[in-house]
Amino acid sequence: LRSHLNRPMKCLTVMWAVGQAGFTDLAEGLKVWLGLMFPVLGVKNLSPYAILYLDRLLLAHSNLTKGFGMGPKDFFPILDFAFMPNNSLTPSQQENLRSLYPRLKVLAFGANPESTLHTYFPSFLSRATPSCPAAMRKELIQSLSDCLNKDPLSFSVWRQLYTKHLAQSSLLLQHLVETWDGNSRSMRKSLRETVHSFKVTNGEFSGKGTNSKDLEACDAACQALLLKMRGGGFPWRRLILIGFVFAFGFVFYDIRTHDSFQASTSAKLLHQSGLLSVSQQAWSRVSNYSLQGQSWLERNVPQYYSQAVEVLGPALEQMWAKTQEGSAYACEKGSALIAYAQDNLPRLLEWLHSSLPDSVFHFIEYLRELLLHLHRTYLLPAATYTEAAVQSAWERYVQSCKKVTWDCVRGQVGNLSRSSWTYLQNATLTVTNWALSIISQH
């Protein structure tokens, strides 16, 4: 065709004849258009027919799945023709081509966009400059967002291109901030890792003295995204907890001021609202049911306990023996694993030191120190205290209850209840003092 551009009628005849194959096979029609008609797009006498043929071809085939196969090499020149101004197409021809662009986009992305979109991401990103036309920039940013939402590999591609495309990345980050609520949860998880990576890169650039408007815009957008990620909705639980603490502190202060609950303002309000009488009725019912339950326990617990000891005693002893054997086996295997880890840990640390960035290595070191501190300061004392408490409780029970009787069981339960109630009173008094101190400060 290029050798006969000065003979437009002959060129149009060739284009018409070859293009007839496309009306029976969409794939063949796209090959004809991409190989024969697209190269002459922009030639004054041939462009109208090339765009008209593409329109009729796509209208003739409503099922676009038969035309999948267009790649980035064919797609992006079409995008440039459809959106870039001052090209060889007239405004009406460019508008017609732009109306066909969404269907060409479907053909380009194919049947599995979740595995192919990352190959389009670099070209989308390089074109999304602040100086490109507004319509094209909007299409490019939306396409980049689609790539991130549908193909997770696009995030790794973006991280590799970030330092070379700061201006484009700032536009994309700002778009993600504005459309945060419309992003999927899986996309947000990958975006969190990417934004943290960008923050590290921004810090490295700032440390080297490299400051630019694009870097500042990227850093501000990253910070805005991190704030979005940490939002997590309205803190209802914290608000309810604070309200409960303040209400409890107010009631306690009211009772202390009036020397008794009956004379307090809280009791008067409860009495006027009817809640006091309802709560008294509920308490009487609860007390009645509690007395009935206590009498039932006095009659049946010793009998059921003796039967349970007779029936389950041998099985529990066997289970305890198996547990001891399992613990010994686990300790043996654990010792072997610890020895293996001690032998191989230096090589692992050497590999990590050579493969990972220094910041990651420092983080792992800090985490190790934190875990060792928690183990020495809290876990070991807690385990020792728990073991001593269980042993002491068992010895006291054996000494006081040599024979299973209801009086003995009731005494042990009473001691446990009194100690628990004392602890609860002390904890409540501590919380109340804290609430009163906060109220007095305000």
Protein backbone atom coordinates (compact mmCIF):
# COMPACT_ATOMS: atom_id res chain seq x y z
CA LEU A 1 0.00 0.00 0.00
CA ARG A 2 2.79 2.44 0.83
CA SER A 3 4.19 2.03 -2.67
CA HIS A 4 0.83 3.08 -4.12
CA LEU A 5 -0.19 5.85 -1.75
CA ASN A 6 -0.47 8.22 -4.67
CA ARG A 7 -3.20 5.95 -6.09
CA PRO A 8 -5.82 5.91 -3.30
CA MET A 9 -8.49 4.08 -5.30
CA LYS A 10 -6.20 1.12 -5.85
CA CYS A 11 -5.23 1.10 -2.17
CA LEU A 12 -8.88 1.19 -1.09
CA THR A 13 -9.66 -1.68 -3.46
CA VAL A 14 -6.89 -3.80 -1.96
CA MET A 15 -8.01 -2.94 1.57
CA TRP A 16 -11.62 -3.87 0.77
CA ALA A 17 -10.68 -7.16 -0.90
CA VAL A 18 -8.34 -8.34 1.81
CA GLY A 19 -10.67 -7.17 4.56
CA GLN A 20 -13.52 -9.47 3.50
CA ALA A 21 -11.86 -12.36 5.33
CA GLY A 22 -12.46 -10.61 8.64
CA PHE A 23 -16.24 -10.77 8.48
CA THR A 24 -16.15 -14.57 8.84
CA ASP A 25 -13.19 -14.78 11.25
CA LEU A 26 -12.51 -12.06 13.82
CA ALA A 27 -8.91 -13.14 14.39
CA GLU A 28 -8.14 -12.91 10.67
CA GLY A 29 -9.88 -9.56 10.45
CA LEU A 30 -7.73 -8.16 13.27
CA LYS A 31 -4.60 -9.47 11.57
CA VAL A 32 -5.64 -7.69 8.39
CA TRP A 33 -6.38 -4.45 10.19
CA LEU A 34 -3.21 -4.47 12.32
CA GLY A 35 -0.93 -5.56 9.49
CA LEU A 36 -2.42 -3.72 6.52
CA MET A 37 -4.70 -0.87 7.61
CA PHE A 38 -3.18 0.39 10.85
CA PRO A 39 0.19 1.27 9.21
CA VAL A 40 -1.62 3.65 6.85
CA LEU A 41 -3.74 5.16 9.63
CA GLY A 42 -3.14 8.87 9.29
CA VAL A 43 -3.01 8.90 5.51
CA LYS A 44 -5.67 11.39 4.54
CA ASN A 45 -7.42 9.31 1.86
CA LEU A 46 -7.15 5.94 3.63
CA SER A 47 -7.80 6.70 7.32
CA PRO A 48 -11.62 7.00 7.04
CA TYR A 49 -11.95 3.53 5.52
CA ALA A 50 -9.51 1.97 8.01
CA ILE A 51 -11.55 3.26 10.97
CA LEU A 52 -14.85 2.35 9.30
CA TYR A 53 -13.63 -1.20 8.64
CA LEU A 54 -12.61 -1.64 12.29
CA ASP A 55 -16.02 -0.39 13.42
CA ARG A 56 -17.88 -2.82 11.13
CA LEU A 57 -15.55 -5.67 12.08
CA LEU A 58 -16.23 -5.27 15.80
CA LEU A 59 -19.98 -4.86 15.19
CA ALA A 60 -20.06 -8.05 13.12
CA HIS A 61 -18.52 -10.07 15.95
CA SER A 62 -20.31 -9.54 19.26
CA ASN A 63 -18.27 -12.38 20.83
CA LEU A 64 -14.83 -10.84 21.22
CA THR A 65 -13.29 -13.97 22.76
CA LYS A 66 -12.49 -15.30 19.29
CA GLY A 67 -10.21 -12.34 18.67
CA PHE A 68 -7.95 -12.61 21.71
CA GLY A 69 -4.27 -12.44 20.86
CA MET A 70 -3.40 -8.76 20.50
CA GLY A 71 -0.35 -7.91 22.61
CA PRO A 72 1.18 -4.74 24.07
CA LYS A 73 3.17 -4.17 20.88
CA ASP A 74 -0.06 -3.78 18.88
CA PHE A 75 -2.19 -2.18 21.59
CA PHE A 76 -0.20 0.88 22.68
CA PRO A 77 0.20 2.47 19.23
CA ILE A 78 -3.61 2.34 18.98
CA LEU A 79 -3.89 4.01 22.40
CA ASP A 80 -1.55 6.80 21.25
CA PHE A 81 -3.59 7.38 18.09
CA ALA A 82 -6.83 7.43 20.09
CA PHE A 83 -5.77 9.91 22.78
CA MET A 84 -2.70 11.90 21.71
CA PRO A 85 -3.58 15.26 20.12
CA ASN A 86 -1.96 16.79 17.05
CA ASN A 87 -1.58 13.47 15.24
CA SER A 88 -2.41 12.83 11.60
CA LEU A 89 -6.07 11.99 12.33
CA THR A 90 -8.82 14.57 12.18
CA PRO A 91 -10.73 15.24 15.44
CA SER A 92 -13.77 13.30 14.18
CA GLN A 93 -11.64 10.32 13.13
CA GLN A 94 -9.85 10.33 16.48
CA GLU A 95 -13.20 10.45 18.29
CA ASN A 96 -14.43 7.45 16.27
CA LEU A 97 -11.26 5.51 17.07
CA ARG A 98 -11.59 6.44 20.74
CA SER A 99 -15.14 5.03 20.80
CA LEU A 100 -13.73 1.69 19.56
CA TYR A 101 -10.88 1.72 22.10
CA PRO A 102 -12.74 -0.06 24.99
CA ARG A 103 -13.40 -3.13 22.82
CA LEU A 104 -9.83 -3.13 21.57
CA LYS A 105 -8.75 -2.99 25.21
CA VAL A 106 -10.77 -6.13 25.96
CA LEU A 107 -9.16 -7.88 22.98
CA ALA A 108 -5.69 -6.86 24.16
CA PHE A 109 -6.09 -7.98 27.78
CA GLY A 110 -7.36 -11.39 26.68
CA ALA A 111 -9.28 -14.10 28.54
CA ASN A 112 -7.03 -14.05 31.62
CA PRO A 113 -6.18 -10.43 32.48
CA GLU A 114 -5.17 -11.47 36.01
CA SER A 115 -2.05 -13.10 34.52
CA THR A 116 -1.24 -10.71 31.64
CA LEU A 117 -1.87 -7.18 32.87
CA HIS A 118 1.56 -6.85 34.49
CA THR A 119 3.08 -6.92 30.98
CA TYR A 120 1.07 -3.79 30.11
CA PHE A 121 1.92 -1.95 33.33
CA PRO A 122 5.34 -0.49 32.27
CA SER A 123 3.96 1.11 29.09
CA PHE A 124 0.91 2.49 30.91
CA LEU A 125 3.17 3.95 33.61
CA SER A 126 5.70 5.54 31.26
CA ARG A 127 2.91 7.36 29.37
CA ALA A 128 1.08 8.69 32.47
CA THR A 129 3.11 11.88 32.76
CA PRO A 130 1.68 15.08 34.27
CA SER A 131 2.03 16.79 30.88
CA CYS A 132 -0.02 14.28 28.87
CA PRO A 133 -3.58 15.25 27.85
CA ALA A 134 -6.18 15.04 30.60
CA ALA A 135 -8.32 12.42 28.83
CA MET A 136 -5.31 10.22 28.15
CA ARG A 137 -3.97 10.66 31.70
CA LYS A 138 -7.35 9.65 33.13
CA GLU A 139 -7.43 6.52 30.95
CA LEU A 140 -3.84 5.60 31.82
CA ILE A 141 -4.33 6.03 35.57
CA GLN A 142 -7.53 3.97 35.48
CA SER A 143 -5.77 1.25 33.48
CA LEU A 144 -2.89 1.22 35.98
CA SER A 145 -5.38 0.86 38.82
CA ASP A 146 -7.04 -2.05 36.98
CA CYS A 147 -3.64 -3.72 36.59
CA LEU A 148 -3.01 -3.47 40.33
CA ASN A 149 -6.48 -4.75 41.23
CA LYS A 150 -6.49 -7.72 38.86
CA ASP A 151 -2.85 -8.82 38.52
CA PRO A 152 -0.78 -8.92 41.74
CA LEU A 153 2.46 -9.15 39.73
CA SER A 154 1.91 -5.54 38.70
CA PHE A 155 3.06 -4.46 42.18
CA SER A 156 6.49 -6.05 41.74
CA VAL A 157 6.81 -4.39 38.32
CA TRP A 158 5.86 -1.04 39.87
CA ARG A 159 8.45 -1.39 42.64
CA GLN A 160 11.15 -1.97 40.02
CA LEU A 161 10.11 1.08 37.97
CA TYR A 162 9.36 3.41 40.88
CA THR A 163 12.64 5.34 41.05
CA LYS A 164 12.63 6.02 37.30
CA HIS A 165 8.99 7.16 37.17
CA LEU A 166 8.44 9.28 40.28
CA ALA A 167 6.14 11.78 38.55
CA GLN A 168 3.90 9.05 37.15
CA SER A 169 3.95 7.14 40.45
CA SER A 170 2.84 10.25 42.35
CA LEU A 171 -0.24 10.55 40.10
CA LEU A 172 -1.07 6.87 40.56
CA LEU A 173 -0.61 7.05 44.34
CA GLN A 174 -2.88 10.09 44.57
CA HIS A 175 -5.50 8.24 42.52
CA LEU A 176 -5.31 5.26 44.89
CA VAL A 177 -5.83 7.61 47.84
CA GLU A 178 -8.93 9.10 46.21
CA THR A 179 -10.39 5.68 45.26
CA TRP A 180 -9.35 3.86 48.46
CA ASP A 181 -12.85 2.64 49.33
CA GLY A 182 -13.25 0.95 45.93
CA ASN A 183 -10.11 -1.18 46.18
CA SER A 184 -10.33 -4.89 47.01
CA ARG A 185 -8.92 -6.32 50.27
CA SER A 186 -6.33 -8.46 48.49
CA MET A 187 -5.18 -5.41 46.54
CA ARG A 188 -4.88 -3.39 49.79
CA LYS A 189 -2.63 -6.04 51.31
CA SER A 190 -0.22 -5.93 48.35
CA LEU A 191 -0.45 -2.14 48.29
CA ARG A 192 0.55 -1.98 51.97
CA GLU A 193 3.80 -3.85 51.24
CA THR A 194 4.48 -1.69 48.19
CA VAL A 195 3.88 1.58 50.04
CA HIS A 196 6.24 0.51 52.84
CA SER A 197 8.85 -0.27 50.17
CA PHE A 198 8.31 3.16 48.64
CA LYS A 199 8.71 4.81 52.06
CA VAL A 200 12.08 3.12 52.50
CA THR A 201 13.14 4.26 49.02
CA ASN A 202 11.98 7.81 49.74
CA GLY A 203 14.00 7.83 52.95
CA GLU A 204 17.11 6.67 51.09
CA PHE A 205 16.68 9.42 48.50
CA SER A 206 16.17 12.03 51.22
CA GLY A 207 19.25 10.78 53.06
CA LYS A 208 21.32 11.29 49.91
CA GLY A 209 20.05 14.85 49.60
CA THR A 210 17.89 14.11 46.56
CA ASN A 211 14.78 16.23 46.98
CA SER A 212 12.28 17.01 44.25
CA LYS A 213 8.64 17.91 43.94
CA ASP A 214 7.85 14.46 42.54
CA LEU A 215 9.57 12.75 45.48
CA GLU A 216 7.72 14.97 47.95
CA ALA A 217 4.41 14.25 46.20
CA CYS A 218 5.09 10.49 46.31
CA ASP A 219 6.02 10.63 49.98
CA ALA A 220 2.90 12.64 50.85
CA ALA A 221 0.68 10.21 48.92
CA CYS A 222 2.36 7.23 50.64
CA GLN A 223 1.72 8.84 54.02
CA ALA A 224 -1.93 9.43 53.10
CA LEU A 225 -2.30 5.78 52.07
CA LEU A 226 -0.76 4.60 55.34
CA LEU A 227 -3.26 6.74 57.24
CA LYS A 228 -6.07 5.16 55.21
CA MET A 229 -4.75 1.70 56.04
CA ARG A 230 -4.53 2.46 59.75
CA GLY A 231 -8.02 3.96 59.90
CA GLY A 232 -9.95 0.70 60.16
CA GLY A 233 -13.31 2.38 60.73
CA PHE A 234 -14.81 4.04 63.78
CA PRO A 235 -13.33 2.76 67.11
CA TRP A 236 -16.60 1.59 68.67
CA ARG A 237 -14.94 -0.81 71.13
CA ARG A 238 -12.59 1.81 72.48
CA LEU A 239 -15.39 4.35 72.73
CA ILE A 240 -17.64 1.90 74.61
CA LEU A 241 -14.81 0.98 76.98
CA ILE A 242 -14.04 4.62 77.73
CA GLY A 243 -17.74 5.36 78.25
CA PHE A 244 -18.07 2.42 80.63
CA VAL A 245 -15.03 3.55 82.64
CA PHE A 246 -16.33 7.11 82.91
CA ALA A 247 -19.83 5.92 83.86
CA PHE A 248 -18.39 3.62 86.52
CA GLY A 249 -16.21 6.44 87.85
CA PHE A 250 -19.18 8.82 87.96
CA VAL A 251 -21.34 6.33 89.87
CA PHE A 252 -18.54 5.57 92.31
CA TYR A 253 -17.90 9.28 92.89
CA ASP A 254 -21.64 9.87 93.35
CA ILE A 255 -21.86 7.12 95.98
CA ARG A 256 -18.81 8.42 97.86
CA THR A 257 -20.23 11.93 97.85
CA HIS A 258 -23.63 10.88 99.31
CA ASP A 259 -22.16 8.18 101.65
CA SER A 260 -24.60 5.51 100.39
CA PHE A 261 -26.11 4.21 97.20
CA GLN A 262 -29.69 4.87 98.33
CA ALA A 263 -28.98 8.59 98.85
CA SER A 264 -27.01 9.02 95.62
CA THR A 265 -28.25 10.75 92.49
CA SER A 266 -27.70 7.57 90.50
CA ALA A 267 -30.16 5.66 92.71
CA LYS A 268 -32.76 8.41 92.34
CA LEU A 269 -32.43 8.40 88.56
CA LEU A 270 -32.69 4.61 88.46
CA HIS A 271 -35.75 4.71 90.71
CA GLN A 272 -37.48 7.38 88.62
CA SER A 273 -36.79 5.54 85.36
CA GLY A 274 -38.02 2.22 86.78
CA LEU A 275 -34.75 0.45 86.14
CA LEU A 276 -34.14 -0.06 89.86
CA SER A 277 -37.34 -2.05 90.40
CA VAL A 278 -36.71 -4.10 87.28
CA SER A 279 -33.16 -4.87 88.37
CA GLN A 280 -34.38 -5.84 91.86
CA GLN A 281 -36.91 -8.25 90.37
CA ALA A 282 -34.23 -9.70 88.12
CA TRP A 283 -31.86 -10.03 91.06
CA SER A 284 -34.50 -11.83 93.14
CA ARG A 285 -35.07 -14.29 90.32
CA VAL A 286 -31.35 -14.83 89.89
CA SER A 287 -30.98 -15.37 93.64
CA ASN A 288 -33.84 -17.88 93.66
CA TYR A 289 -32.37 -19.82 90.75
CA SER A 290 -28.94 -19.69 92.38
CA LEU A 291 -30.31 -21.19 95.61
CA GLN A 292 -32.03 -23.94 93.65
CA GLY A 293 -28.81 -24.63 91.77
CA GLN A 294 -26.81 -24.69 94.98
CA SER A 295 -29.18 -27.20 96.58
CA TRP A 296 -28.97 -29.38 93.47
CA LEU A 297 -25.17 -29.22 93.55
CA GLU A 298 -25.11 -30.16 97.25
CA ARG A 299 -27.16 -33.26 96.52
CA ASN A 300 -25.53 -34.45 93.29
CA VAL A 301 -21.94 -33.17 92.97
CA PRO A 302 -20.34 -35.57 95.51
CA GLN A 303 -22.12 -38.56 93.97
CA TYR A 304 -21.27 -37.58 90.39
CA TYR A 305 -17.72 -36.73 91.35
CA SER A 306 -17.15 -40.14 92.97
CA GLN A 307 -18.60 -41.90 89.93
CA ALA A 308 -16.46 -39.81 87.59
CA VAL A 309 -13.34 -40.68 89.59
CA GLU A 310 -14.18 -44.39 89.43
CA VAL A 311 -14.96 -44.35 85.71
CA LEU A 312 -12.48 -41.80 84.37
CA GLY A 313 -9.64 -42.27 86.86
CA PRO A 314 -7.79 -45.08 85.01
CA ALA A 315 -8.26 -43.36 81.65
CA LEU A 316 -6.98 -40.06 83.01
CA GLU A 317 -3.96 -41.77 84.57
CA GLN A 318 -3.18 -43.44 81.26
CA MET A 319 -3.66 -40.12 79.44
CA TRP A 320 -1.32 -38.43 81.89
CA ALA A 321 1.30 -41.12 81.30
CA LYS A 322 0.94 -40.69 77.53
CA THR A 323 1.22 -36.94 77.95
CA GLN A 324 4.46 -37.35 79.88
CA GLU A 325 5.81 -39.68 77.19
CA GLY A 326 4.79 -37.20 74.49
CA SER A 327 6.40 -34.34 76.37
CA ALA A 328 9.63 -36.31 76.73
CA TYR A 329 9.57 -37.15 73.01
CA ALA A 330 8.88 -33.53 72.11
CA CYS A 331 11.73 -32.37 74.34
CA GLU A 332 14.07 -34.88 72.71
CA LYS A 333 13.09 -33.80 69.20
CA GLY A 334 13.18 -30.17 70.25
CA SER A 335 16.71 -30.60 71.56
CA ALA A 336 17.74 -32.13 68.25
CA LEU A 337 16.15 -29.26 66.35
CA ILE A 338 17.80 -26.71 68.62
CA ALA A 339 21.17 -28.38 68.09
CA TYR A 340 20.60 -28.41 64.32
CA ALA A 341 19.60 -24.77 64.41
CA GLN A 342 22.68 -23.86 66.43
CA ASP A 343 24.89 -25.64 63.90
CA ASN A 344 23.27 -24.02 60.88
CA LEU A 345 22.32 -20.63 62.31
CA PRO A 346 25.70 -18.98 61.53
CA ARG A 347 25.47 -19.97 57.86
CA LEU A 348 21.86 -18.81 57.70
CA LEU A 349 22.76 -15.46 59.27
CA GLU A 350 25.66 -15.09 56.84
CA TRP A 351 23.34 -15.76 53.88
CA LEU A 352 20.74 -13.34 55.21
CA HIS A 353 23.38 -10.70 55.78
CA SER A 354 24.61 -11.01 52.19
CA SER A 355 21.16 -11.27 50.57
CA LEU A 356 18.92 -8.95 52.55
CA PRO A 357 19.18 -5.17 52.98
CA ASP A 358 20.77 -3.84 56.13
CA SER A 359 17.45 -2.45 57.35
CA VAL A 360 15.85 -5.91 57.28
CA PHE A 361 18.83 -7.41 59.10
CA HIS A 362 18.63 -4.73 61.79
CA PHE A 363 14.90 -5.35 62.16
CA ILE A 364 15.49 -9.08 62.65
CA GLU A 365 18.14 -8.31 65.27
CA TYR A 366 15.78 -5.99 67.14
CA LEU A 367 13.03 -8.61 66.96
CA ARG A 368 15.36 -11.27 68.39
CA GLU A 369 16.32 -9.01 71.28
CA LEU A 370 12.65 -8.26 71.93
CA LEU A 371 11.72 -11.95 72.00
CA LEU A 372 14.61 -12.75 74.33
CA HIS A 373 13.55 -9.92 76.63
CA LEU A 374 9.95 -11.17 76.68
CA HIS A 375 11.12 -14.73 77.33
CA ARG A 376 13.38 -13.77 80.22
CA THR A 377 11.21 -11.07 81.75
CA TYR A 378 7.68 -12.46 81.38
CA LEU A 379 7.43 -16.03 80.07
CA LEU A 380 9.90 -17.74 82.41
CA PRO A 381 8.59 -15.99 85.58
CA ALA A 382 5.00 -16.68 84.50
CA ALA A 383 5.73 -20.36 83.90
CA THR A 384 7.52 -20.65 87.25
CA TYR A 385 4.71 -18.87 89.07
CA THR A 386 2.03 -21.00 87.38
CA GLU A 387 3.86 -24.23 88.19
CA ALA A 388 4.31 -23.21 91.84
CA ALA A 389 0.67 -22.10 92.14
CA VAL A 390 -0.66 -25.36 90.70
CA GLN A 391 1.62 -27.42 92.92
CA SER A 392 0.65 -25.43 96.02
CA ALA A 393 -3.07 -25.66 95.23
CA TRP A 394 -2.82 -29.40 94.72
CA GLU A 395 -0.93 -29.88 98.00
CA ARG A 396 -3.49 -27.80 99.92
CA TYR A 397 -6.32 -29.78 98.37
CA VAL A 398 -4.69 -33.14 99.24
CA GLN A 399 -4.01 -32.02 102.81
CA SER A 400 -7.50 -30.64 103.42
CA CYS A 401 -9.59 -33.11 101.42
CA LYS A 402 -8.33 -36.59 102.12
CA LYS A 403 -11.85 -37.82 101.44
CA VAL A 404 -14.29 -36.45 98.87
CA THR A 405 -17.14 -34.77 100.76
CA TRP A 406 -19.42 -31.88 99.97
CA ASP A 407 -18.15 -29.84 102.94
CA CYS A 408 -14.57 -30.13 101.75
CA VAL A 409 -15.41 -29.23 98.15
CA ARG A 410 -17.56 -26.31 99.33
CA GLY A 411 -14.72 -25.05 101.52
CA GLN A 412 -12.24 -25.15 98.64
CA VAL A 413 -14.70 -23.39 96.34
CA GLY A 414 -15.37 -20.79 99.03
CA ASN A 415 -11.65 -20.10 99.47
CA LEU A 416 -11.26 -19.74 95.71
CA SER A 417 -14.29 -17.43 95.53
CA ARG A 418 -13.00 -15.24 98.39
CA SER A 419 -9.56 -14.90 96.82
CA SER A 420 -11.08 -14.14 93.41
CA TRP A 421 -13.44 -11.58 94.94
CA THR A 422 -10.56 -9.90 96.80
CA TYR A 423 -8.56 -9.69 93.58
CA LEU A 424 -11.59 -8.29 91.74
CA GLN A 425 -12.14 -5.66 94.44
CA ASN A 426 -8.50 -4.57 94.29
CA ALA A 427 -8.61 -4.37 90.48
CA THR A 428 -11.88 -2.41 90.58
CA LEU A 429 -10.47 0.00 93.14
CA THR A 430 -7.41 0.55 90.96
CA VAL A 431 -9.53 1.28 87.87
CA THR A 432 -11.79 3.57 89.91
CA ASN A 433 -8.87 5.57 91.26
CA TRP A 434 -7.53 5.92 87.73
CA ALA A 435 -10.94 7.13 86.46
CA LEU A 436 -11.28 9.60 89.34
CA SER A 437 -7.83 10.98 88.63
CA ILE A 438 -8.77 11.51 84.99
CA ILE A 439 -12.06 13.19 85.98
CA SER A 440 -10.29 15.46 88.46
CA GLN A 441 -7.78 16.49 85.78
CA HIS A 442 -10.60 17.56 83.46
